């Protein structure tokens, strides 16, 4: 995994990851962090229920769209 994220980077990545309009590829281009790193960051930074809701939404979107996070 990449270098530890500073607070500013974390606060930038979280809204992007929560957005339905930003893909993991776009986050990788901006911050150099892949899907596994973003998921680990979200698991660490979000409350458990928020993280689980986010993952559920990602699964639901990925089943409906060919190219999504």
Foldseek 3Di string as FASTA:
>chain_A
DDDDDDPVLLVVLVVLLQDQPHAQVNVCVVPVDHPVRSLVSCCVPDDPVVSVVSVVVQVVVVVVDVDGD
